[in-house]
Structure formats: C-alpha cells, structure tokens
Amino acid sequence: MAFRKERITRSTCRAVAEYAFRTAERMGARVYGGPKWTVSPVYEGMLKEELDAAAERHPETEYRPVLIDATYAGLLSGATDAPLVIPALNRDGDCLSDLVLPMFGSIAGAESVLLAFDEDYEVTVAMAEAPHGTAPALQGKDLADPVAMILACGALLRHGADRHGPTANAPPGRSTRVCSRPWPRVSRPPISGATPARPSSLQPSSTGPDQARGVVVAGT
C-alpha cells in the first residue's frame, strides 16, 4: 500500500488565477480549462474557487471553466478557435505543454517561464528555459532544435521590458520572427533506441511560435 501527501496553498492558486486573467487580457484571449474540481472539491477545488473569483474581478475577459480531462479533449476538437490561457495544477500543466506544443510542431516550439510575484501579483522574478529539458543523446551532433532556447532568451528580455521600459522589447520580437522562418528538411536520427524517423522538417518554426503562442499554460 502507498500513500501520497500533496500540499496546495490558496495564495498560489490566487496568483495563478490572477496571472491567467491578466495574461488573457493582454492577449485578447479566453481563460479556458481548470482542475478536476468535481472529484477533488477541497484540493483541486481551491484553484477553481480562485479562478471564479478572478473572473468576477475581470468581467471583460471570457472565462470558460472546463474539467481538465475535458480540456484535453477540447484542445483536439475545436476549443482553439480563439487564443487560450489554460490555468492548471503542476502535473496537469506538464501534460498540457507536452500535448499542446506537438499540435503546432514539437515541444521545442515554445519557451517555459517560471515567475515569482509580489503582493500585487506583479512579476518580480522571471526564469526562462526550454520546456523539454536537456537532450544528452544529441550532444555534439549539431541536431538539437534551438528554437525553445532562443525564445526563452527573448522571454527574459520581454519581462525586462515590462519592468524597465519598452526599449528592451525589440530583441524578443526579432527572435520570434527568426524562429518563424522555415528550416531545411533534415533526417532525425534514432534517439535512445527509438525507431529511425523519416525525413521531416525541424520547424516548430514555420507554424509553431505564431500559432502556439495562442495557447498559454499557467500552472501552480
């Protein structure tokens, strides 16, 4: 037999909810999705309560609460008719990013940003990285897709511009345009015993950054 203890705080849920709605306002997006609050009304329901409260503070932003399993289905069946901000618990966010990014290219097609907030939910610290982690099997082979790391650098500059003025925002705009250009077709080698891939295009690029930026996962 095994037991697992999980901890969640209302302050974290409130920060995620507020950030989701503020981000949706800037993007002209819909806040979509949510946790499995019907099965776990106390633990996961806490995030749902804070999302509902944030929706009241931001009535001009479209809010469509959907259980997490229905969120997955919706992403594949029409929910992406508008830009989305999807608030999620930690593991749900990991699963969502692995699902959403391949819909537009690959997991290398967007950056991951960790944020810290002050008491007014303004960003105080931003740390950006590639969401897929490291790829030791590709080291030294000149095969790794650099798009996510390029966009991560741009994200830091963009957050710097938010804090220190708009003049810092030009470089991330250029990095997004560079990543949106088509890349040459290459043949991916087998990795970690995988079946050899057919020739394909390493471009989360030509459709990825512009379209995938329409889906933002905000997680605890």
C-alpha atoms as a PDB file:
ATOM      1  CA  MET A   1       0.000   0.000   0.000  1.00  0.00           C
ATOM      2  CA  ALA A   2       1.190   3.522  -0.726  1.00  0.00           C
ATOM      3  CA  PHE A   3       0.070   6.940   0.447  1.00  0.00           C
ATOM      4  CA  ARG A   4       0.813  10.321  -1.069  1.00  0.00           C
ATOM      5  CA  LYS A   5       0.542  13.716   0.588  1.00  0.00           C
ATOM      6  CA  GLU A   6       0.046  16.826  -1.558  1.00  0.00           C
ATOM      7  CA  ARG A   7       0.110  20.442  -0.494  1.00  0.00           C
ATOM      8  CA  ILE A   8      -1.559  23.402  -2.156  1.00  0.00           C
ATOM      9  CA  THR A   9      -1.966  26.961  -0.879  1.00  0.00           C
ATOM     10  CA  ARG A  10      -4.675  29.465  -1.612  1.00  0.00           C
ATOM     11  CA  SER A  11      -2.097  32.175  -2.226  1.00  0.00           C
ATOM     12  CA  THR A  12      -0.534  30.141  -5.033  1.00  0.00           C
ATOM     13  CA  CYS A  13      -3.934  29.391  -6.559  1.00  0.00           C
ATOM     14  CA  ARG A  14      -4.833  33.083  -6.384  1.00  0.00           C
ATOM     15  CA  ALA A  15      -1.573  34.092  -8.069  1.00  0.00           C
ATOM     16  CA  VAL A  16      -2.099  31.594 -10.907  1.00  0.00           C
ATOM     17  CA  ALA A  17      -5.705  32.689 -11.380  1.00  0.00           C
ATOM     18  CA  GLU A  18      -4.872  36.398 -11.398  1.00  0.00           C
ATOM     19  CA  TYR A  19      -1.934  35.915 -13.755  1.00  0.00           C
ATOM     20  CA  ALA A  20      -4.110  33.843 -16.097  1.00  0.00           C
ATOM     21  CA  PHE A  21      -6.709  36.589 -16.391  1.00  0.00           C
ATOM     22  CA  ARG A  22      -4.181  39.404 -16.731  1.00  0.00           C
ATOM     23  CA  THR A  23      -2.385  37.470 -19.450  1.00  0.00           C
ATOM     24  CA  ALA A  24      -5.674  36.772 -21.233  1.00  0.00           C
ATOM     25  CA  GLU A  25      -6.490  40.481 -21.144  1.00  0.00           C
ATOM     26  CA  ARG A  26      -3.178  41.370 -22.789  1.00  0.00           C
ATOM     27  CA  MET A  27      -3.605  38.674 -25.434  1.00  0.00           C
ATOM     28  CA  GLY A  28      -7.298  39.180 -26.068  1.00  0.00           C
ATOM     29  CA  ALA A  29      -7.638  35.524 -25.098  1.00  0.00           C
ATOM     30  CA  ARG A  30     -10.090  33.241 -23.358  1.00  0.00           C
ATOM     31  CA  VAL A  31      -9.345  31.682 -19.946  1.00  0.00           C
ATOM     32  CA  TYR A  32     -10.149  28.045 -20.576  1.00  0.00           C
ATOM     33  CA  GLY A  33      -9.927  24.815 -18.596  1.00  0.00           C
ATOM     34  CA  GLY A  34      -9.325  24.128 -14.941  1.00  0.00           C
ATOM     35  CA  PRO A  35      -8.659  21.289 -12.484  1.00  0.00           C
ATOM     36  CA  LYS A  36     -10.770  18.220 -11.697  1.00  0.00           C
ATOM     37  CA  TRP A  37     -12.790  20.098  -9.091  1.00  0.00           C
ATOM     38  CA  THR A  38     -15.712  17.634  -9.120  1.00  0.00           C
ATOM     39  CA  VAL A  39     -13.574  14.717  -7.900  1.00  0.00           C
ATOM     40  CA  SER A  40     -11.381  16.794  -5.577  1.00  0.00           C
ATOM     41  CA  PRO A  41     -13.520  19.713  -4.366  1.00  0.00           C
ATOM     42  CA  VAL A  42     -11.213  20.612  -1.467  1.00  0.00           C
ATOM     43  CA  TYR A  43      -7.750  20.274  -3.036  1.00  0.00           C
ATOM     44  CA  GLU A  44      -8.327  20.969  -6.732  1.00  0.00           C
ATOM     45  CA  GLY A  45     -11.479  22.914  -5.970  1.00  0.00           C
ATOM     46  CA  MET A  46      -9.331  25.601  -4.356  1.00  0.00           C
ATOM     47  CA  LEU A  47      -7.920  26.591  -7.735  1.00  0.00           C
ATOM     48  CA  LYS A  48     -11.433  26.599  -9.223  1.00  0.00           C
ATOM     49  CA  GLU A  49     -12.639  28.911  -6.437  1.00  0.00           C
ATOM     50  CA  GLU A  50      -9.831  31.359  -7.134  1.00  0.00           C
ATOM     51  CA  LEU A  51     -10.488  31.223 -10.882  1.00  0.00           C
ATOM     52  CA  ASP A  52     -14.144  32.036 -10.276  1.00  0.00           C
ATOM     53  CA  ALA A  53     -13.134  34.953  -8.043  1.00  0.00           C
ATOM     54  CA  ALA A  54     -10.667  36.252 -10.647  1.00  0.00           C
ATOM     55  CA  ALA A  55     -13.384  36.032 -13.289  1.00  0.00           C
ATOM     56  CA  GLU A  56     -15.508  38.395 -11.195  1.00  0.00           C
ATOM     57  CA  ARG A  57     -12.588  40.846 -10.995  1.00  0.00           C
ATOM     58  CA  HIS A  58     -12.093  40.664 -14.771  1.00  0.00           C
ATOM     59  CA  PRO A  59     -15.611  40.522 -16.230  1.00  0.00           C
ATOM     60  CA  GLU A  60     -14.419  41.716 -19.641  1.00  0.00           C
ATOM     61  CA  THR A  61     -12.343  38.538 -20.142  1.00  0.00           C
ATOM     62  CA  GLU A  62     -14.092  35.447 -21.466  1.00  0.00           C
ATOM     63  CA  TYR A  63     -13.967  32.610 -18.944  1.00  0.00           C
ATOM     64  CA  ARG A  64     -14.860  29.044 -19.800  1.00  0.00           C
ATOM     65  CA  PRO A  65     -14.174  26.657 -16.882  1.00  0.00           C
ATOM     66  CA  VAL A  66     -13.751  23.077 -18.065  1.00  0.00           C
ATOM     67  CA  LEU A  67     -12.600  19.959 -16.189  1.00  0.00           C
ATOM     68  CA  ILE A  68      -9.016  19.017 -17.024  1.00  0.00           C
ATOM     69  CA  ASP A  69      -9.917  15.829 -18.906  1.00  0.00           C
ATOM     70  CA  ALA A  70     -12.474  17.727 -20.986  1.00  0.00           C
ATOM     71  CA  THR A  71      -9.823  20.391 -21.578  1.00  0.00           C
ATOM     72  CA  TYR A  72      -7.598  17.826 -23.285  1.00  0.00           C
ATOM     73  CA  ALA A  73     -10.490  16.752 -25.470  1.00  0.00           C
ATOM     74  CA  GLY A  74     -11.441  20.337 -26.253  1.00  0.00           C
ATOM     75  CA  LEU A  75      -7.962  21.171 -27.474  1.00  0.00           C
ATOM     76  CA  LEU A  76      -8.362  18.477 -30.123  1.00  0.00           C
ATOM     77  CA  SER A  77     -11.962  19.226 -31.032  1.00  0.00           C
ATOM     78  CA  GLY A  78     -12.403  22.950 -31.582  1.00  0.00           C
ATOM     79  CA  ALA A  79     -11.528  24.891 -28.417  1.00  0.00           C
ATOM     80  CA  THR A  80      -8.579  26.520 -30.195  1.00  0.00           C
ATOM     81  CA  ASP A  81     -10.883  28.716 -32.267  1.00  0.00           C
ATOM     82  CA  ALA A  82      -9.543  31.569 -30.099  1.00  0.00           C
ATOM     83  CA  PRO A  83      -6.306  32.263 -28.184  1.00  0.00           C
ATOM     84  CA  LEU A  84      -6.368  30.424 -24.856  1.00  0.00           C
ATOM     85  CA  VAL A  85      -4.851  30.800 -21.413  1.00  0.00           C
ATOM     86  CA  ILE A  86      -5.168  27.495 -19.548  1.00  0.00           C
ATOM     87  CA  PRO A  87      -4.693  27.610 -15.741  1.00  0.00           C
ATOM     88  CA  ALA A  88      -3.593  24.247 -14.380  1.00  0.00           C
ATOM     89  CA  LEU A  89      -2.145  22.424 -11.420  1.00  0.00           C
ATOM     90  CA  ASN A  90       1.510  21.404 -11.659  1.00  0.00           C
ATOM     91  CA  ARG A  91       1.282  17.947 -13.209  1.00  0.00           C
ATOM     92  CA  ASP A  92      -1.666  18.949 -15.399  1.00  0.00           C
ATOM     93  CA  GLY A  93       0.456  21.784 -16.764  1.00  0.00           C
ATOM     94  CA  ASP A  94       3.270  19.372 -17.635  1.00  0.00           C
ATOM     95  CA  CYS A  95       0.839  17.154 -19.528  1.00  0.00           C
ATOM     96  CA  LEU A  96      -0.772  20.117 -21.286  1.00  0.00           C
ATOM     97  CA  SER A  97       2.518  21.510 -22.552  1.00  0.00           C
ATOM     98  CA  ASP A  98       3.506  18.105 -23.913  1.00  0.00           C
ATOM     99  CA  LEU A  99       0.136  17.908 -25.689  1.00  0.00           C
ATOM    100  CA  VAL A 100      -0.239  21.462 -26.984  1.00  0.00           C
ATOM    101  CA  LEU A 101       3.223  22.020 -28.448  1.00  0.00           C
ATOM    102  CA  PRO A 102       3.217  18.950 -30.743  1.00  0.00           C
ATOM    103  CA  MET A 103      -0.134  20.185 -32.094  1.00  0.00           C
ATOM    104  CA  PHE A 104       1.814  23.027 -33.723  1.00  0.00           C
ATOM    105  CA  GLY A 105       5.222  21.443 -34.318  1.00  0.00           C
ATOM    106  CA  SER A 106       7.197  19.969 -31.431  1.00  0.00           C
ATOM    107  CA  ILE A 107       7.908  20.578 -27.767  1.00  0.00           C
ATOM    108  CA  ALA A 108      10.884  22.654 -28.914  1.00  0.00           C
ATOM    109  CA  GLY A 109       8.485  25.271 -30.284  1.00  0.00           C
ATOM    110  CA  ALA A 110       7.979  27.494 -27.226  1.00  0.00           C
ATOM    111  CA  GLU A 111       9.666  28.649 -24.059  1.00  0.00           C
ATOM    112  CA  SER A 112       8.873  27.851 -20.415  1.00  0.00           C
ATOM    113  CA  VAL A 113       8.967  30.691 -17.869  1.00  0.00           C
ATOM    114  CA  LEU A 114       8.923  30.406 -14.065  1.00  0.00           C
ATOM    115  CA  LEU A 115       7.587  33.512 -12.332  1.00  0.00           C
ATOM    116  CA  ALA A 116       7.564  34.964  -8.828  1.00  0.00           C
ATOM    117  CA  PHE A 117       5.047  37.634  -7.823  1.00  0.00           C
ATOM    118  CA  ASP A 118       4.769  40.395  -5.256  1.00  0.00           C
ATOM    119  CA  GLU A 119       1.688  41.028  -3.134  1.00  0.00           C
ATOM    120  CA  ASP A 120       0.027  42.842  -6.065  1.00  0.00           C
ATOM    121  CA  TYR A 121       0.705  39.889  -8.402  1.00  0.00           C
ATOM    122  CA  GLU A 122       3.256  41.826 -10.406  1.00  0.00           C
ATOM    123  CA  VAL A 123       6.204  39.760 -11.643  1.00  0.00           C
ATOM    124  CA  THR A 124       9.352  40.216  -9.536  1.00  0.00           C
ATOM    125  CA  VAL A 125      11.488  37.352 -10.872  1.00  0.00           C
ATOM    126  CA  ALA A 126      11.380  35.542 -14.227  1.00  0.00           C
ATOM    127  CA  MET A 127      13.445  32.473 -15.114  1.00  0.00           C
ATOM    128  CA  ALA A 128      13.110  31.080 -18.647  1.00  0.00           C
ATOM    129  CA  GLU A 129      14.172  27.731 -20.039  1.00  0.00           C
ATOM    130  CA  ALA A 130      13.431  25.235 -22.787  1.00  0.00           C
ATOM    131  CA  PRO A 131      10.401  23.200 -21.604  1.00  0.00           C
ATOM    132  CA  HIS A 132      11.808  19.895 -22.821  1.00  0.00           C
ATOM    133  CA  GLY A 133      14.929  19.887 -20.635  1.00  0.00           C
ATOM    134  CA  THR A 134      18.293  18.643 -21.851  1.00  0.00           C
ATOM    135  CA  ALA A 135      18.969  16.263 -24.743  1.00  0.00           C
ATOM    136  CA  PRO A 136      22.241  14.444 -23.944  1.00  0.00           C
ATOM    137  CA  ALA A 137      21.745  11.994 -26.825  1.00  0.00           C
ATOM    138  CA  LEU A 138      22.111  14.921 -29.251  1.00  0.00           C
ATOM    139  CA  GLN A 139      25.180  16.487 -27.665  1.00  0.00           C
ATOM    140  CA  GLY A 140      27.849  17.356 -30.211  1.00  0.00           C
ATOM    141  CA  LYS A 141      25.808  16.183 -33.225  1.00  0.00           C
ATOM    142  CA  ASP A 142      24.527  19.588 -34.406  1.00  0.00           C
ATOM    143  CA  LEU A 143      20.968  18.209 -34.466  1.00  0.00           C
ATOM    144  CA  ALA A 144      19.204  19.772 -31.480  1.00  0.00           C
ATOM    145  CA  ASP A 145      16.395  22.210 -32.255  1.00  0.00           C
ATOM    146  CA  PRO A 146      17.401  25.581 -30.700  1.00  0.00           C
ATOM    147  CA  VAL A 147      14.041  27.340 -31.054  1.00  0.00           C
ATOM    148  CA  ALA A 148      12.929  26.937 -27.434  1.00  0.00           C
ATOM    149  CA  MET A 149      16.198  28.320 -26.047  1.00  0.00           C
ATOM    150  CA  ILE A 150      16.097  31.275 -28.457  1.00  0.00           C
ATOM    151  CA  LEU A 151      12.538  32.044 -27.383  1.00  0.00           C
ATOM    152  CA  ALA A 152      13.493  31.631 -23.713  1.00  0.00           C
ATOM    153  CA  CYS A 153      16.146  34.330 -24.132  1.00  0.00           C
ATOM    154  CA  GLY A 154      13.556  36.534 -25.813  1.00  0.00           C
ATOM    155  CA  ALA A 155      11.118  35.954 -22.954  1.00  0.00           C
ATOM    156  CA  LEU A 156      13.631  37.245 -20.403  1.00  0.00           C
ATOM    157  CA  LEU A 157      14.161  40.376 -22.471  1.00  0.00           C
ATOM    158  CA  ARG A 158      10.408  40.829 -22.734  1.00  0.00           C
ATOM    159  CA  HIS A 159       9.986  40.583 -18.963  1.00  0.00           C
ATOM    160  CA  GLY A 160      12.874  43.039 -18.593  1.00  0.00           C
ATOM    161  CA  ALA A 161      10.980  45.434 -20.845  1.00  0.00           C
ATOM    162  CA  ASP A 162       7.872  45.076 -18.681  1.00  0.00           C
ATOM    163  CA  ARG A 163       9.873  46.215 -15.666  1.00  0.00           C
ATOM    164  CA  HIS A 164      12.364  48.649 -17.180  1.00  0.00           C
ATOM    165  CA  GLY A 165      10.744  50.148 -20.264  1.00  0.00           C
ATOM    166  CA  PRO A 166       9.693  49.333 -23.829  1.00  0.00           C
ATOM    167  CA  THR A 167      13.128  49.844 -25.415  1.00  0.00           C
ATOM    168  CA  ALA A 168      14.179  46.407 -24.173  1.00  0.00           C
ATOM    169  CA  ASN A 169      11.357  44.727 -26.097  1.00  0.00           C
ATOM    170  CA  ALA A 170      12.809  44.898 -29.620  1.00  0.00           C
ATOM    171  CA  PRO A 171      15.149  41.869 -29.443  1.00  0.00           C
ATOM    172  CA  PRO A 172      12.482  39.308 -28.400  1.00  0.00           C
ATOM    173  CA  GLY A 173      10.314  40.450 -31.283  1.00  0.00           C
ATOM    174  CA  ARG A 174      13.165  39.777 -33.671  1.00  0.00           C
ATOM    175  CA  SER A 175      13.861  36.368 -32.113  1.00  0.00           C
ATOM    176  CA  THR A 176      10.237  35.352 -32.707  1.00  0.00           C
ATOM    177  CA  ARG A 177      10.428  36.404 -36.363  1.00  0.00           C
ATOM    178  CA  VAL A 178      13.676  34.472 -36.840  1.00  0.00           C
ATOM    179  CA  CYS A 179      12.131  31.341 -35.312  1.00  0.00           C
ATOM    180  CA  SER A 180       9.102  31.667 -37.593  1.00  0.00           C
ATOM    181  CA  ARG A 181      11.158  31.150 -40.739  1.00  0.00           C
ATOM    182  CA  PRO A 182      11.093  27.710 -42.408  1.00  0.00           C
ATOM    183  CA  TRP A 183      14.062  25.471 -41.719  1.00  0.00           C
ATOM    184  CA  PRO A 184      15.631  22.981 -44.136  1.00  0.00           C
ATOM    185  CA  ARG A 185      14.384  19.418 -44.151  1.00  0.00           C
ATOM    186  CA  VAL A 186      16.605  17.016 -42.251  1.00  0.00           C
ATOM    187  CA  SER A 187      16.523  13.399 -41.190  1.00  0.00           C
ATOM    188  CA  ARG A 188      16.229  12.899 -37.433  1.00  0.00           C
ATOM    189  CA  PRO A 189      18.454  10.113 -36.076  1.00  0.00           C
ATOM    190  CA  PRO A 190      17.100   7.441 -33.732  1.00  0.00           C
ATOM    191  CA  ILE A 191      17.342   8.569 -30.100  1.00  0.00           C
ATOM    192  CA  SER A 192      17.554   6.218 -27.124  1.00  0.00           C
ATOM    193  CA  GLY A 193      16.592   3.171 -29.154  1.00  0.00           C
ATOM    194  CA  ALA A 194      13.693   4.853 -30.947  1.00  0.00           C
ATOM    195  CA  THR A 195      12.630   3.820 -34.431  1.00  0.00           C
ATOM    196  CA  PRO A 196      14.518   5.831 -37.074  1.00  0.00           C
ATOM    197  CA  ALA A 197      12.462   8.792 -38.179  1.00  0.00           C
ATOM    198  CA  ARG A 198      11.508   9.570 -41.758  1.00  0.00           C
ATOM    199  CA  PRO A 199      12.924  12.786 -43.246  1.00  0.00           C
ATOM    200  CA  SER A 200      10.975  15.677 -41.787  1.00  0.00           C
ATOM    201  CA  SER A 201      11.202  19.358 -41.141  1.00  0.00           C
ATOM    202  CA  LEU A 202      12.609  20.624 -37.850  1.00  0.00           C
ATOM    203  CA  GLN A 203      10.198  23.509 -37.714  1.00  0.00           C
ATOM    204  CA  PRO A 204       8.004  24.122 -34.809  1.00  0.00           C
ATOM    205  CA  SER A 205       9.067  27.267 -36.578  1.00  0.00           C
ATOM    206  CA  SER A 206       7.021  27.886 -39.707  1.00  0.00           C
ATOM    207  CA  THR A 207       3.726  27.365 -37.875  1.00  0.00           C
ATOM    208  CA  GLY A 208       4.838  26.944 -34.281  1.00  0.00           C
ATOM    209  CA  PRO A 209       5.704  30.155 -32.444  1.00  0.00           C
ATOM    210  CA  ASP A 210       2.987  32.319 -34.008  1.00  0.00           C
ATOM    211  CA  GLN A 211       0.192  29.787 -33.529  1.00  0.00           C
ATOM    212  CA  ALA A 212       1.339  28.051 -30.360  1.00  0.00           C
ATOM    213  CA  ARG A 213       1.653  31.418 -28.623  1.00  0.00           C
ATOM    214  CA  GLY A 214      -2.129  31.458 -28.797  1.00  0.00           C
ATOM    215  CA  VAL A 215      -2.148  28.790 -26.075  1.00  0.00           C
ATOM    216  CA  VAL A 216      -0.534  29.702 -22.737  1.00  0.00           C
ATOM    217  CA  VAL A 217      -0.465  27.203 -19.865  1.00  0.00           C
ATOM    218  CA  ALA A 218      -0.335  28.900 -16.453  1.00  0.00           C
ATOM    219  CA  GLY A 219       0.497  26.371 -13.740  1.00  0.00           C
ATOM    220  CA  THR A 220       0.945  26.129  -9.972  1.00  0.00           C
END
